[in-house]
Protein backbone atom coordinates (compact mmCIF):
# COMPACT_ATOMS: atom_id res chain seq x y z
CA MET A 1 65.47 -1.98 -43.49
CA SER A 2 61.78 -2.64 -42.96
CA PHE A 3 60.31 -3.70 -39.62
CA PRO A 4 56.83 -5.09 -38.95
CA ASP A 5 54.25 -2.98 -37.10
CA ARG A 6 53.43 -5.88 -34.78
CA ILE A 7 55.22 -8.96 -33.43
CA ALA A 8 53.18 -11.40 -31.35
CA SER A 9 54.86 -13.74 -28.89
CA PHE A 10 52.56 -14.80 -26.07
CA PRO A 11 52.26 -13.49 -23.38
CA VAL A 12 53.23 -10.15 -24.96
CA VAL A 13 52.87 -8.30 -28.24
CA LEU A 14 55.41 -5.83 -29.59
CA ARG A 15 53.78 -3.08 -31.59
CA THR A 16 54.54 0.39 -32.81
CA PHE A 17 53.72 3.17 -30.38
CA ARG A 18 50.51 5.15 -30.86
CA PRO A 19 49.87 8.75 -29.84
CA ALA A 20 47.21 7.44 -27.44
CA ASP A 21 49.99 5.65 -25.52
CA ALA A 22 51.42 8.96 -24.26
CA PRO A 23 49.57 9.10 -20.92
CA ARG A 24 50.65 5.54 -20.02
CA VAL A 25 54.25 6.22 -21.12
CA ALA A 26 54.27 9.35 -18.94
CA GLU A 27 52.83 7.35 -16.04
CA LEU A 28 55.42 4.59 -16.32
CA CYS A 29 58.41 6.87 -16.93
CA GLY A 30 57.22 9.31 -14.28
CA ASP A 31 57.47 6.61 -11.63
CA TRP A 32 60.70 7.27 -9.74
CA ASP A 33 61.22 3.55 -9.14
CA VAL A 34 61.29 3.05 -12.92
CA ALA A 35 63.30 6.15 -13.85
CA ARG A 36 66.02 5.61 -11.24
CA MET A 37 66.87 2.21 -12.74
CA THR A 38 67.77 3.71 -16.13
CA ALA A 39 70.31 6.16 -17.44
CA LEU A 40 68.01 7.56 -20.14
CA ILE A 41 64.72 8.46 -18.46
CA PRO A 42 64.72 11.98 -16.99
CA HIS A 43 62.79 12.67 -13.83
CA PRO A 44 60.28 14.18 -13.56
CA TYR A 45 58.83 12.92 -16.87
CA SER A 46 56.00 14.89 -18.45
CA LEU A 47 53.23 14.06 -20.90
CA GLU A 48 54.98 16.29 -23.45
CA MET A 49 58.14 14.21 -23.09
CA ALA A 50 56.10 11.06 -23.71
CA GLU A 51 54.52 12.61 -26.81
CA SER A 52 57.97 13.56 -28.17
CA PHE A 53 59.32 10.08 -27.41
CA ILE A 54 56.42 8.44 -29.25
CA ALA A 55 56.82 10.78 -32.24
CA ALA A 56 60.52 9.89 -32.44
CA CYS A 57 59.73 6.17 -32.19
CA ARG A 58 57.15 6.42 -34.97
CA GLU A 59 59.54 8.39 -37.19
CA ALA A 60 62.29 5.80 -36.68
CA CYS A 61 59.91 3.01 -37.70
CA GLU A 62 58.68 4.92 -40.74
CA THR A 63 62.20 5.72 -41.96
CA GLY A 64 63.53 2.20 -41.41
CA LYS A 65 65.87 3.15 -38.58
CA ALA A 66 66.14 1.02 -35.46
CA PRO A 67 62.63 0.88 -34.03
CA THR A 68 61.44 1.01 -30.45
CA TYR A 69 58.36 -1.09 -29.84
CA ALA A 70 55.70 -0.83 -27.18
CA ILE A 71 55.44 -4.01 -25.12
CA VAL A 72 51.81 -4.80 -24.39
CA ARG A 73 50.18 -7.74 -22.64
CA ALA A 74 48.56 -10.05 -25.19
CA ASP A 75 45.53 -10.76 -23.03
CA ASP A 76 44.38 -7.19 -22.34
CA GLY A 77 46.60 -4.88 -24.43
CA ALA A 78 47.98 -3.02 -21.41
CA LEU A 79 51.21 -1.16 -22.16
CA VAL A 80 53.90 -2.44 -19.81
CA GLY A 81 57.19 -1.32 -21.36
CA ALA A 82 59.31 -0.68 -24.42
CA ILE A 83 62.13 -2.38 -26.26
CA ALA A 84 64.52 -0.99 -28.87
CA ILE A 85 65.86 -3.09 -31.69
CA THR A 86 69.34 -2.12 -32.76
CA SER A 87 71.92 -3.66 -35.02
CA ALA A 88 75.25 -4.82 -33.73
CA PRO A 89 78.38 -5.49 -35.72
CA GLU A 90 78.95 -9.15 -36.43
CA ALA A 91 81.23 -10.88 -34.00
CA GLY A 92 84.31 -11.94 -35.76
């Protein structure tokens, strides 16, 4: 399945992660108040972890697997989060 690189829906834009996002991802995930609210973010969270996460996200998008998009503010492009798109079996 093919996914777009960018989805705009004001006030945010979903886009594929970029290697340059790694410092911001590390900053957000390294915040204990963020990490403690999830089951998947280890703490402490390093820049290397962010780089690996972004590489995995980019590979998933390139291979057509379920992508994870960066959520950025439409007005200034600031990275504020992430969202994964997964498929679910049809309810029946």
